[in-house]
C-alpha atoms as a PDB file:
ATOM      1  CA  MET A   1     148.230 142.067  90.261  1.00  0.00           C
ATOM      2  CA  VAL A   2     150.478 144.855  89.898  1.00  0.00           C
ATOM      3  CA  SER A   3     153.929 145.808  90.998  1.00  0.00           C
ATOM      4  CA  ASP A   4     154.029 148.961  93.320  1.00  0.00           C
ATOM      5  CA  THR A   5     157.123 147.878  95.278  1.00  0.00           C
ATOM      6  CA  GLY A   6     160.255 145.952  94.491  1.00  0.00           C
ATOM      7  CA  PRO A   7     162.432 146.172  91.544  1.00  0.00           C
ATOM      8  CA  LEU A   8     159.391 146.390  89.188  1.00  0.00           C
ATOM      9  CA  TYR A   9     157.880 149.292  91.099  1.00  0.00           C
ATOM     10  CA  PHE A  10     157.690 151.653  88.133  1.00  0.00           C
ATOM     11  CA  ALA A  11     155.298 149.477  86.304  1.00  0.00           C
ATOM     12  CA  GLY A  12     152.398 149.754  88.645  1.00  0.00           C
ATOM     13  CA  PRO A  13     151.280 153.168  88.342  1.00  0.00           C
ATOM     14  CA  ILE A  14     151.085 152.981  84.517  1.00  0.00           C
ATOM     15  CA  GLN A  15     149.342 149.445  84.486  1.00  0.00           C
ATOM     16  CA  ARG A  16     146.847 151.022  87.024  1.00  0.00           C
ATOM     17  CA  ALA A  17     146.130 153.969  84.625  1.00  0.00           C
ATOM     18  CA  ALA A  18     145.609 151.591  81.612  1.00  0.00           C
ATOM     19  CA  VAL A  19     143.222 149.293  83.602  1.00  0.00           C
ATOM     20  CA  LYS A  20     141.285 152.369  84.840  1.00  0.00           C
ATOM     21  CA  LEU A  21     140.989 153.559  81.082  1.00  0.00           C
ATOM     22  CA  ALA A  22     139.432 150.224  80.111  1.00  0.00           C
ATOM     23  CA  VAL A  23     136.993 150.194  83.149  1.00  0.00           C
ATOM     24  CA  SER A  24     135.951 153.687  82.159  1.00  0.00           C
ATOM     25  CA  ASP A  25     135.129 152.661  78.719  1.00  0.00           C
ATOM     26  CA  LEU A  26     133.316 149.597  79.631  1.00  0.00           C
ATOM     27  CA  ALA A  27     131.246 151.698  82.080  1.00  0.00           C
ATOM     28  CA  LYS A  28     130.171 154.039  79.149  1.00  0.00           C
ATOM     29  CA  SER A  29     128.972 150.807  77.302  1.00  0.00           C
ATOM     30  CA  ASP A  30     126.927 149.570  80.205  1.00  0.00           C
ATOM     31  CA  LYS A  31     129.431 146.749  81.018  1.00  0.00           C
ATOM     32  CA  PRO A  32     130.911 147.702  84.501  1.00  0.00           C
ATOM     33  CA  VAL A  33     133.822 145.979  85.760  1.00  0.00           C
ATOM     34  CA  THR A  34     134.791 145.922  89.400  1.00  0.00           C
ATOM     35  CA  ILE A  35     138.674 146.091  89.807  1.00  0.00           C
ATOM     36  CA  ASP A  36     140.816 145.171  92.805  1.00  0.00           C
ATOM     37  CA  PHE A  37     144.625 146.043  92.543  1.00  0.00           C
ATOM     38  CA  GLU A  38     147.043 144.051  94.775  1.00  0.00           C
ATOM     39  CA  ASP A  39     150.747 144.718  94.945  1.00  0.00           C
ATOM     40  CA  LEU A  40     152.520 141.291  94.926  1.00  0.00           C
ATOM     41  CA  GLY A  41     155.942 142.985  95.845  1.00  0.00           C
ATOM     42  CA  ASP A  42     158.939 140.554  96.121  1.00  0.00           C
ATOM     43  CA  SER A  43     158.922 139.485  99.741  1.00  0.00           C
ATOM     44  CA  ASP A  44     157.143 136.757 101.693  1.00  0.00           C
ATOM     45  CA  SER A  45     155.251 139.220 103.818  1.00  0.00           C
ATOM     46  CA  GLU A  46     153.978 141.220 100.811  1.00  0.00           C
ATOM     47  CA  PHE A  47     152.924 137.893  98.938  1.00  0.00           C
ATOM     48  CA  VAL A  48     150.889 136.817 101.886  1.00  0.00           C
ATOM     49  CA  ASN A  49     149.361 140.115 102.273  1.00  0.00           C
ATOM     50  CA  ALA A  50     148.330 140.401  98.590  1.00  0.00           C
ATOM     51  CA  THR A  51     146.936 136.806  98.418  1.00  0.00           C
ATOM     52  CA  ASN A  52     144.863 137.269 101.640  1.00  0.00           C
ATOM     53  CA  LYS A  53     143.294 140.238 100.171  1.00  0.00           C
ATOM     54  CA  LEU A  54     142.694 138.463  96.923  1.00  0.00           C
ATOM     55  CA  SER A  55     140.995 135.438  98.628  1.00  0.00           C
ATOM     56  CA  LYS A  56     138.313 137.925 100.236  1.00  0.00           C
ATOM     57  CA  PHE A  57     137.836 139.692  96.890  1.00  0.00           C
ATOM     58  CA  LYS A  58     137.164 136.416  94.986  1.00  0.00           C
ATOM     59  CA  PRO A  59     138.125 137.479  91.377  1.00  0.00           C
ATOM     60  CA  ASP A  60     136.350 136.057  88.475  1.00  0.00           C
ATOM     61  CA  LEU A  61     139.618 136.656  86.501  1.00  0.00           C
ATOM     62  CA  THR A  62     143.104 137.747  87.363  1.00  0.00           C
ATOM     63  CA  LEU A  63     145.822 139.724  85.300  1.00  0.00           C
ATOM     64  CA  ALA A  64     149.090 138.051  86.018  1.00  0.00           C
ATOM     65  CA  PRO A  65     151.956 139.979  87.644  1.00  0.00           C
ATOM     66  CA  ILE A  66     155.107 140.804  85.589  1.00  0.00           C
ATOM     67  CA  ASP A  67     157.418 137.797  85.453  1.00  0.00           C
ATOM     68  CA  SER A  68     159.434 137.297  88.813  1.00  0.00           C
ATOM     69  CA  ALA A  69     159.919 134.774  91.601  1.00  0.00           C
ATOM     70  CA  SER A  70     156.772 136.044  93.171  1.00  0.00           C
ATOM     71  CA  ALA A  71     154.903 135.553  89.806  1.00  0.00           C
ATOM     72  CA  VAL A  72     155.846 131.822  89.649  1.00  0.00           C
ATOM     73  CA  ARG A  73     154.722 131.409  93.236  1.00  0.00           C
ATOM     74  CA  PHE A  74     151.386 133.388  92.639  1.00  0.00           C
ATOM     75  CA  LEU A  75     150.397 131.397  89.579  1.00  0.00           C
ATOM     76  CA  LYS A  76     150.820 128.184  91.625  1.00  0.00           C
ATOM     77  CA  TYR A  77     148.532 129.659  94.141  1.00  0.00           C
ATOM     78  CA  ILE A  78     145.692 130.980  92.058  1.00  0.00           C
ATOM     79  CA  GLY A  79     144.559 127.687  91.110  1.00  0.00           C
ATOM     80  CA  PRO A  80     141.479 127.190  88.684  1.00  0.00           C
ATOM     81  CA  THR A  81     140.891 130.851  88.027  1.00  0.00           C
ATOM     82  CA  PRO A  82     141.277 132.260  84.441  1.00  0.00           C
ATOM     83  CA  VAL A  83     144.469 134.257  84.289  1.00  0.00           C
ATOM     84  CA  ILE A  84     145.642 136.692  81.564  1.00  0.00           C
ATOM     85  CA  SER A  85     149.201 137.622  81.483  1.00  0.00           C
ATOM     86  CA  VAL A  86     150.353 140.884  79.883  1.00  0.00           C
ATOM     87  CA  SER A  87     154.057 140.466  80.074  1.00  0.00           C
ATOM     88  CA  ALA A  88     156.488 137.651  78.771  1.00  0.00           C
ATOM     89  CA  LEU A  89     156.107 135.093  81.567  1.00  0.00           C
ATOM     90  CA  SER A  90     158.653 132.193  81.246  1.00  0.00           C
ATOM     91  CA  GLU A  91     157.503 128.756  80.807  1.00  0.00           C
ATOM     92  CA  LYS A  92     157.828 127.771  84.397  1.00  0.00           C
ATOM     93  CA  SER A  93     155.355 130.453  85.179  1.00  0.00           C
ATOM     94  CA  GLU A  94     152.367 128.000  84.367  1.00  0.00           C
ATOM     95  CA  ALA A  95     148.841 127.796  85.804  1.00  0.00           C
ATOM     96  CA  SER A  96     147.787 124.691  84.052  1.00  0.00           C
ATOM     97  CA  ASN A  97     145.364 125.510  81.106  1.00  0.00           C
ATOM     98  CA  TRP A  98     143.985 128.566  82.871  1.00  0.00           C
ATOM     99  CA  LEU A  99     146.719 130.895  81.770  1.00  0.00           C
ATOM    100  CA  PHE A 100     146.254 132.874  78.488  1.00  0.00           C
ATOM    101  CA  ARG A 101     149.140 134.933  77.213  1.00  0.00           C
ATOM    102  CA  LEU A 102     148.835 138.402  75.532  1.00  0.00           C
ATOM    103  CA  ALA A 103     152.579 138.638  75.329  1.00  0.00           C
ATOM    104  CA  THR A 104     154.872 136.206  73.590  1.00  0.00           C
ATOM    105  CA  SER A 105     156.797 133.911  75.973  1.00  0.00           C
ATOM    106  CA  GLN A 106     160.595 133.786  76.109  1.00  0.00           C
ATOM    107  CA  SER A 107     160.598 130.398  74.097  1.00  0.00           C
ATOM    108  CA  GLN A 108     158.472 131.943  71.444  1.00  0.00           C
ATOM    109  CA  GLU A 109     160.788 134.907  70.880  1.00  0.00           C
ATOM    110  CA  ILE A 110     163.841 132.525  70.939  1.00  0.00           C
ATOM    111  CA  ILE A 111     162.273 130.311  68.280  1.00  0.00           C
ATOM    112  CA  ALA A 112     161.449 133.374  66.287  1.00  0.00           C
ATOM    113  CA  LEU A 113     165.065 134.594  66.397  1.00  0.00           C
ATOM    114  CA  ALA A 114     166.445 131.194  65.377  1.00  0.00           C
ATOM    115  CA  GLN A 115     164.004 131.018  62.469  1.00  0.00           C
ATOM    116  CA  TYR A 116     165.163 134.478  61.433  1.00  0.00           C
ATOM    117  CA  ILE A 117     168.706 133.590  61.362  1.00  0.00           C
ATOM    118  CA  VAL A 118     168.047 130.376  59.343  1.00  0.00           C
ATOM    119  CA  ASP A 119     165.954 132.520  57.032  1.00  0.00           C
ATOM    120  CA  SER A 120     168.902 134.883  56.609  1.00  0.00           C
ATOM    121  CA  LYS A 121     171.015 131.995  55.265  1.00  0.00           C
ATOM    122  CA  ALA A 122     173.561 132.079  58.194  1.00  0.00           C
ATOM    123  CA  GLU A 123     175.491 128.841  58.014  1.00  0.00           C
ATOM    124  CA  SER A 124     177.163 129.046  61.351  1.00  0.00           C
ATOM    125  CA  VAL A 125     176.269 130.277  64.548  1.00  0.00           C
ATOM    126  CA  ALA A 126     177.976 130.995  67.986  1.00  0.00           C
ATOM    127  CA  ILE A 127     175.973 131.237  71.109  1.00  0.00           C
ATOM    128  CA  VAL A 128     177.624 133.245  73.933  1.00  0.00           C
ATOM    129  CA  PHE A 129     175.858 132.554  77.148  1.00  0.00           C
ATOM    130  CA  SER A 130     176.131 133.606  80.817  1.00  0.00           C
ATOM    131  CA  ASP A 131     176.565 131.050  83.717  1.00  0.00           C
ATOM    132  CA  ASP A 132     173.252 131.732  85.170  1.00  0.00           C
ATOM    133  CA  GLU A 133     169.639 130.383  84.812  1.00  0.00           C
ATOM    134  CA  TYR A 134     168.677 133.011  82.136  1.00  0.00           C
ATOM    135  CA  GLY A 135     171.861 132.372  80.094  1.00  0.00           C
ATOM    136  CA  ARG A 136     171.905 128.610  80.298  1.00  0.00           C
ATOM    137  CA  SER A 137     168.089 128.287  79.541  1.00  0.00           C
ATOM    138  CA  THR A 138     168.286 130.657  76.661  1.00  0.00           C
ATOM    139  CA  MET A 139     171.266 128.910  75.142  1.00  0.00           C
ATOM    140  CA  LYS A 140     169.705 125.612  75.467  1.00  0.00           C
ATOM    141  CA  SER A 141     166.468 126.684  73.871  1.00  0.00           C
ATOM    142  CA  LEU A 142     168.413 128.276  71.049  1.00  0.00           C
ATOM    143  CA  ALA A 143     170.511 125.284  70.414  1.00  0.00           C
ATOM    144  CA  MET A 144     167.403 123.042  70.357  1.00  0.00           C
ATOM    145  CA  ALA A 145     165.812 125.486  67.733  1.00  0.00           C
ATOM    146  CA  PHE A 146     168.693 125.613  65.510  1.00  0.00           C
ATOM    147  CA  ALA A 147     169.081 121.646  65.638  1.00  0.00           C
ATOM    148  CA  LEU A 148     165.307 121.234  64.666  1.00  0.00           C
ATOM    149  CA  ARG A 149     165.972 123.502  61.759  1.00  0.00           C
ATOM    150  CA  GLY A 150     168.904 121.411  60.536  1.00  0.00           C
ATOM    151  CA  LEU A 151     171.636 123.946  61.215  1.00  0.00           C
ATOM    152  CA  SER A 152     174.479 121.820  62.232  1.00  0.00           C
ATOM    153  CA  LYS A 153     177.272 124.424  62.822  1.00  0.00           C
ATOM    154  CA  VAL A 154     176.432 125.878  66.407  1.00  0.00           C
ATOM    155  CA  GLN A 155     179.079 126.565  68.772  1.00  0.00           C
ATOM    156  CA  LEU A 156     178.158 127.254  72.410  1.00  0.00           C
ATOM    157  CA  ILE A 157     180.597 129.553  74.141  1.00  0.00           C
ATOM    158  CA  PRO A 158     180.494 130.401  77.945  1.00  0.00           C
ATOM    159  CA  LEU A 159     180.774 134.192  78.475  1.00  0.00           C
ATOM    160  CA  SER A 160     183.986 133.465  80.628  1.00  0.00           C
ATOM    161  CA  GLU A 161     185.903 131.775  77.789  1.00  0.00           C
ATOM    162  CA  ARG A 162     187.365 134.889  76.149  1.00  0.00           C
ATOM    163  CA  ASP A 163     189.946 132.930  74.196  1.00  0.00           C
ATOM    164  CA  LEU A 164     187.233 130.840  72.506  1.00  0.00           C
ATOM    165  CA  LEU A 165     185.151 134.221  71.867  1.00  0.00           C
ATOM    166  CA  GLN A 166     188.120 135.767  70.042  1.00  0.00           C
ATOM    167  CA  LYS A 167     188.674 132.806  67.858  1.00  0.00           C
ATOM    168  CA  ALA A 168     185.176 132.409  66.864  1.00  0.00           C
ATOM    169  CA  LYS A 169     184.199 133.411  63.240  1.00  0.00           C
ATOM    170  CA  PRO A 170     180.527 132.663  63.029  1.00  0.00           C
ATOM    171  CA  ASP A 171     178.148 134.185  60.372  1.00  0.00           C
ATOM    172  CA  ALA A 172     175.932 135.049  63.546  1.00  0.00           C
ATOM    173  CA  LEU A 173     176.773 135.522  67.083  1.00  0.00           C
ATOM    174  CA  ILE A 174     173.921 135.612  69.688  1.00  0.00           C
ATOM    175  CA  LEU A 175     174.457 137.138  73.101  1.00  0.00           C
ATOM    176  CA  ALA A 176     172.430 135.283  75.587  1.00  0.00           C
ATOM    177  CA  THR A 177     172.856 137.194  78.728  1.00  0.00           C
ATOM    178  CA  MET A 178     171.189 139.886  80.863  1.00  0.00           C
ATOM    179  CA  GLU A 179     173.378 142.375  82.686  1.00  0.00           C
ATOM    180  CA  GLN A 180     176.521 140.371  81.859  1.00  0.00           C
ATOM    181  CA  SER A 181     176.164 141.793  78.497  1.00  0.00           C
ATOM    182  CA  VAL A 182     177.987 144.967  79.620  1.00  0.00           C
ATOM    183  CA  SER A 183     181.253 143.405  80.120  1.00  0.00           C
ATOM    184  CA  PHE A 184     181.025 141.439  76.878  1.00  0.00           C
ATOM    185  CA  LEU A 185     180.034 144.469  74.699  1.00  0.00           C
ATOM    186  CA  SER A 186     182.744 146.692  76.126  1.00  0.00           C
ATOM    187  CA  GLU A 187     185.403 144.212  74.680  1.00  0.00           C
ATOM    188  CA  PHE A 188     183.440 143.242  71.578  1.00  0.00           C
ATOM    189  CA  GLY A 189     184.915 145.860  69.421  1.00  0.00           C
ATOM    190  CA  ALA A 190     188.397 144.080  69.611  1.00  0.00           C
ATOM    191  CA  TRP A 191     187.057 141.073  67.627  1.00  0.00           C
ATOM    192  CA  SER A 192     183.777 142.395  66.060  1.00  0.00           C
ATOM    193  CA  LYS A 193     184.985 142.284  62.529  1.00  0.00           C
ATOM    194  CA  LYS A 194     185.294 138.425  62.737  1.00  0.00           C
ATOM    195  CA  VAL A 195     181.498 138.088  63.264  1.00  0.00           C
ATOM    196  CA  LYS A 196     179.252 138.861  60.345  1.00  0.00           C
ATOM    197  CA  GLN A 197     176.235 139.719  62.485  1.00  0.00           C
ATOM    198  CA  LEU A 198     175.576 140.306  66.335  1.00  0.00           C
ATOM    199  CA  PHE A 199     172.148 139.529  67.622  1.00  0.00           C
ATOM    200  CA  LEU A 200     170.773 140.559  71.118  1.00  0.00           C
ATOM    201  CA  VAL A 201     168.252 138.604  72.914  1.00  0.00           C
ATOM    202  CA  ALA A 202     165.378 140.188  75.146  1.00  0.00           C
ATOM    203  CA  GLY A 203     167.649 140.189  78.211  1.00  0.00           C
ATOM    204  CA  ASN A 204     170.132 142.627  76.879  1.00  0.00           C
ATOM    205  CA  GLN A 205     167.823 144.808  74.549  1.00  0.00           C
ATOM    206  CA  ALA A 206     168.534 148.020  76.346  1.00  0.00           C
ATOM    207  CA  ASN A 207     169.517 151.600  75.455  1.00  0.00           C
ATOM    208  CA  TYR A 208     173.430 151.670  75.857  1.00  0.00           C
ATOM    209  CA  SER A 209     173.888 155.294  74.697  1.00  0.00           C
ATOM    210  CA  ASN A 210     175.430 156.360  78.005  1.00  0.00           C
ATOM    211  CA  PHE A 211     178.220 153.819  77.571  1.00  0.00           C
ATOM    212  CA  PRO A 212     181.545 154.845  76.161  1.00  0.00           C
ATOM    213  CA  TRP A 213     181.648 151.584  74.094  1.00  0.00           C
ATOM    214  CA  ALA A 214     178.162 151.999  72.471  1.00  0.00           C
ATOM    215  CA  GLU A 215     179.770 152.223  68.956  1.00  0.00           C
ATOM    216  CA  ASN A 216     180.587 148.569  69.355  1.00  0.00           C
ATOM    217  CA  LEU A 217     176.852 147.934  68.863  1.00  0.00           C
ATOM    218  CA  ALA A 218     176.531 149.425  65.521  1.00  0.00           C
ATOM    219  CA  GLY A 219     174.628 147.206  63.140  1.00  0.00           C
ATOM    220  CA  ALA A 220     173.576 144.708  65.842  1.00  0.00           C
ATOM    221  CA  LEU A 221     170.058 143.344  65.565  1.00  0.00           C
ATOM    222  CA  ALA A 222     167.272 142.466  67.934  1.00  0.00           C
ATOM    223  CA  LEU A 223     163.947 140.860  67.407  1.00  0.00           C
ATOM    224  CA  THR A 224     161.073 141.431  69.570  1.00  0.00           C
ATOM    225  CA  SER A 225     157.205 140.829  69.499  1.00  0.00           C
ATOM    226  CA  ASN A 226     155.171 143.734  67.795  1.00  0.00           C
ATOM    227  CA  ASN A 227     153.819 146.065  70.332  1.00  0.00           C
ATOM    228  CA  ASP A 228     151.771 148.346  68.186  1.00  0.00           C
ATOM    229  CA  VAL A 229     150.109 150.919  70.425  1.00  0.00           C
ATOM    230  CA  PRO A 230     147.554 153.089  68.984  1.00  0.00           C
ATOM    231  CA  GLU A 231     148.197 156.824  69.212  1.00  0.00           C
ATOM    232  CA  SER A 232     144.642 157.319  70.693  1.00  0.00           C
ATOM    233  CA  PHE A 233     145.476 155.059  73.624  1.00  0.00           C
ATOM    234  CA  ARG A 234     148.852 156.529  74.031  1.00  0.00           C
ATOM    235  CA  SER A 235     147.533 159.989  74.156  1.00  0.00           C
ATOM    236  CA  ARG A 236     144.960 158.986  76.787  1.00  0.00           C
ATOM    237  CA  LEU A 237     147.475 157.347  78.999  1.00  0.00           C
ATOM    238  CA  ALA A 238     149.868 160.155  78.858  1.00  0.00           C
ATOM    239  CA  ALA A 239     147.125 162.597  79.715  1.00  0.00           C
ATOM    240  CA  SER A 240     145.802 160.491  82.547  1.00  0.00           C
ATOM    241  CA  LEU A 241     149.244 160.287  84.126  1.00  0.00           C
ATOM    242  CA  ASP A 242     150.242 163.943  83.092  1.00  0.00           C
ATOM    243  CA  ARG A 243     153.275 162.560  81.406  1.00  0.00           C
ATOM    244  CA  PRO A 244     153.577 163.982  77.972  1.00  0.00           C
ATOM    245  CA  GLY A 245     156.822 162.160  77.409  1.00  0.00           C
ATOM    246  CA  LEU A 246     154.735 158.928  76.882  1.00  0.00           C
ATOM    247  CA  LEU A 247     153.415 160.219  73.550  1.00  0.00           C
ATOM    248  CA  GLY A 248     156.500 159.519  71.653  1.00  0.00           C
ATOM    249  CA  SER A 249     158.115 157.075  74.051  1.00  0.00           C
ATOM    250  CA  GLN A 250     159.488 153.610  72.654  1.00  0.00           C
ATOM    251  CA  ASN A 251     159.682 152.262  76.263  1.00  0.00           C
ATOM    252  CA  PRO A 252     158.197 148.834  76.522  1.00  0.00           C
ATOM    253  CA  ILE A 253     156.141 149.988  79.583  1.00  0.00           C
ATOM    254  CA  VAL A 254     153.703 151.679  77.159  1.00  0.00           C
ATOM    255  CA  ALA A 255     153.091 148.271  75.311  1.00  0.00           C
ATOM    256  CA  LEU A 256     152.748 146.665  78.803  1.00  0.00           C
ATOM    257  CA  ALA A 257     150.123 149.260  79.466  1.00  0.00           C
ATOM    258  CA  PHE A 258     148.208 148.747  76.251  1.00  0.00           C
ATOM    259  CA  ARG A 259     148.132 144.879  76.907  1.00  0.00           C
ATOM    260  CA  SER A 260     146.745 145.481  80.221  1.00  0.00           C
ATOM    261  CA  TYR A 261     143.905 147.625  78.683  1.00  0.00           C
ATOM    262  CA  GLN A 262     143.432 144.943  76.164  1.00  0.00           C
ATOM    263  CA  ALA A 263     143.142 142.153  78.927  1.00  0.00           C
ATOM    264  CA  ILE A 264     140.357 143.968  80.765  1.00  0.00           C
ATOM    265  CA  THR A 265     138.322 144.379  77.637  1.00  0.00           C
ATOM    266  CA  LEU A 266     138.926 140.899  76.496  1.00  0.00           C
ATOM    267  CA  ALA A 267     137.740 139.693  79.893  1.00  0.00           C
ATOM    268  CA  ALA A 268     134.518 141.629  79.541  1.00  0.00           C
ATOM    269  CA  SER A 269     133.872 140.286  76.061  1.00  0.00           C
ATOM    270  CA  SER A 270     134.566 136.855  77.336  1.00  0.00           C
ATOM    271  CA  TYR A 271     132.153 137.237  80.196  1.00  0.00           C
ATOM    272  CA  ILE A 272     129.493 138.374  77.762  1.00  0.00           C
ATOM    273  CA  ALA A 273     130.140 135.380  75.479  1.00  0.00           C
ATOM    274  CA  ALA A 274     130.110 132.994  78.274  1.00  0.00           C
ATOM    275  CA  LYS A 275     127.049 134.508  79.750  1.00  0.00           C
ATOM    276  CA  SER A 276     128.316 133.540  83.265  1.00  0.00           C
ATOM    277  CA  ASN A 277     131.199 134.196  85.569  1.00  0.00           C
ATOM    278  CA  SER A 278     131.625 130.485  86.053  1.00  0.00           C
ATOM    279  CA  GLY A 279     135.404 129.610  85.931  1.00  0.00           C
ATOM    280  CA  PRO A 280     135.170 126.848  83.239  1.00  0.00           C
ATOM    281  CA  LYS A 281     132.794 128.818  81.034  1.00  0.00           C
ATOM    282  CA  LEU A 282     134.850 132.087  81.125  1.00  0.00           C
ATOM    283  CA  ARG A 283     137.920 130.070  80.568  1.00  0.00           C
ATOM    284  CA  ALA A 284     136.280 128.350  77.430  1.00  0.00           C
ATOM    285  CA  ALA A 285     135.071 131.789  76.155  1.00  0.00           C
ATOM    286  CA  LEU A 286     138.697 133.060  76.406  1.00  0.00           C
ATOM    287  CA  ALA A 287     140.132 130.040  74.548  1.00  0.00           C
ATOM    288  CA  ALA A 288     137.783 130.501  71.902  1.00  0.00           C
ATOM    289  CA  THR A 289     138.678 134.276  71.281  1.00  0.00           C
ATOM    290  CA  GLN A 290     139.381 135.152  67.660  1.00  0.00           C
ATOM    291  CA  VAL A 291     140.800 138.107  65.924  1.00  0.00           C
ATOM    292  CA  ASP A 292     140.155 138.701  62.172  1.00  0.00           C
ATOM    293  CA  GLY A 293     138.991 135.063  61.983  1.00  0.00           C
ATOM    294  CA  GLU A 294     142.057 133.562  63.490  1.00  0.00           C
ATOM    295  CA  ASP A 295     142.436 132.071  67.016  1.00  0.00           C
ATOM    296  CA  LEU A 296     144.031 134.517  69.508  1.00  0.00           C
ATOM    297  CA  PHE A 297     145.485 131.746  71.497  1.00  0.00           C
ATOM    298  CA  THR A 298     147.019 128.322  70.948  1.00  0.00           C
ATOM    299  CA  SER A 299     145.379 125.287  72.399  1.00  0.00           C
ATOM    300  CA  THR A 300     147.871 125.655  75.337  1.00  0.00           C
ATOM    301  CA  GLY A 301     147.104 129.425  75.926  1.00  0.00           C
ATOM    302  CA  PHE A 302     150.093 130.974  74.190  1.00  0.00           C
ATOM    303  CA  LEU A 303     149.710 134.065  71.897  1.00  0.00           C
ATOM    304  CA  ASN A 304     149.035 132.564  68.440  1.00  0.00           C
ATOM    305  CA  GLN A 305     149.170 135.748  66.502  1.00  0.00           C
ATOM    306  CA  ALA A 306     152.711 136.465  67.210  1.00  0.00           C
ATOM    307  CA  LYS A 307     154.582 138.778  64.824  1.00  0.00           C
ATOM    308  CA  TYR A 308     157.922 140.634  65.410  1.00  0.00           C
ATOM    309  CA  THR A 309     159.690 143.897  64.910  1.00  0.00           C
ATOM    310  CA  LEU A 310     163.487 143.863  63.803  1.00  0.00           C
ATOM    311  CA  TYR A 311     165.606 146.506  65.616  1.00  0.00           C
ATOM    312  CA  ARG A 312     169.084 147.775  64.420  1.00  0.00           C
ATOM    313  CA  TYR A 313     171.372 149.468  67.052  1.00  0.00           C
ATOM    314  CA  SER A 314     173.172 152.590  65.787  1.00  0.00           C
ATOM    315  CA  ALA A 315     176.777 153.498  66.776  1.00  0.00           C
ATOM    316  CA  LYS A 316     175.107 155.550  69.507  1.00  0.00           C
ATOM    317  CA  GLY A 317     173.880 152.408  71.253  1.00  0.00           C
ATOM    318  CA  THR A 318     170.159 153.265  70.488  1.00  0.00           C
ATOM    319  CA  TYR A 319     167.922 151.196  68.265  1.00  0.00           C
ATOM    320  CA  THR A 320     165.541 151.769  65.380  1.00  0.00           C
ATOM    321  CA  SER A 321     162.814 149.676  63.812  1.00  0.00           C
ATOM    322  CA  VAL A 322     163.982 148.479  60.431  1.00  0.00           C
ATOM    323  CA  GLY A 323     161.319 145.973  59.521  1.00  0.00           C
ATOM    324  CA  GLN A 324     158.689 143.499  60.610  1.00  0.00           C
ATOM    325  CA  TYR A 325     158.944 139.575  60.596  1.00  0.00           C
ATOM    326  CA  ASP A 326     156.488 136.890  60.514  1.00  0.00           C
ATOM    327  CA  PRO A 327     157.956 133.453  61.223  1.00  0.00           C
ATOM    328  CA  LYS A 328     154.766 131.631  59.937  1.00  0.00           C
ATOM    329  CA  GLN A 329     155.233 133.061  56.395  1.00  0.00           C
END
């Protein structure tokens, strides 16, 4: 399931190209795979059209769409068919025990961030959150993660409470917003010296170099799951799309493409292990997948081998990788 229309339209062509590379490689090894691409879109008519076509195709396995309202609806529709997600689906995007995640979930990344902050010896934390579903859910998950780790000095501050913001003097301030982060960051310079460390969650990890206040972000940190893309794959992807800019790009879309490639090869190897395209047998083979002797998935289908990259923002609003973090160590 790809996005050719709607707000995620830019991802469709790159995902298609990555999947075709995987199919080409499997064909060379005498393991042919038949692929059907369907655009889920973001409207009722597009959803009905896509699912009608899918029911005729009768897939043995489906690659989940990128997280959206349509994705939540789709995963409820698909039923007992193994599904592999290649983007960070939220916890409400569930397909019982038939969903396997090649990308970390929002809660996994939040828990890793909380653990990193605790490991950094921060004694006080302020969570600034927006008054929407993303902000409130992120704030609640962070607060719970800190409580479970014994950090008692946690202040919850709505984004609208500017007076409370300016009075806060935490060791770590976490901005739990999406596009609302722009208004916050434009004012952050006025009281930034009161905060020892600013952290950005996934919803506001963007390139802010075009904004006049980009220097306010200098030194801010962000944690995101590792997305190591082999140069060989990056080169092939750039060539297939005639987009040389992908060779050195840090755009997450390249990692999304690589996970799409991995999902197809994983599906093929699971089919071989199962010796059948039976849904339950294919699901069991996926669940038993190991990499370097360690389970790839948890018992509930979440990515088990999750490690993270630490990014630091410069005064120009761009970010650079400054280290790796493994919350299990």
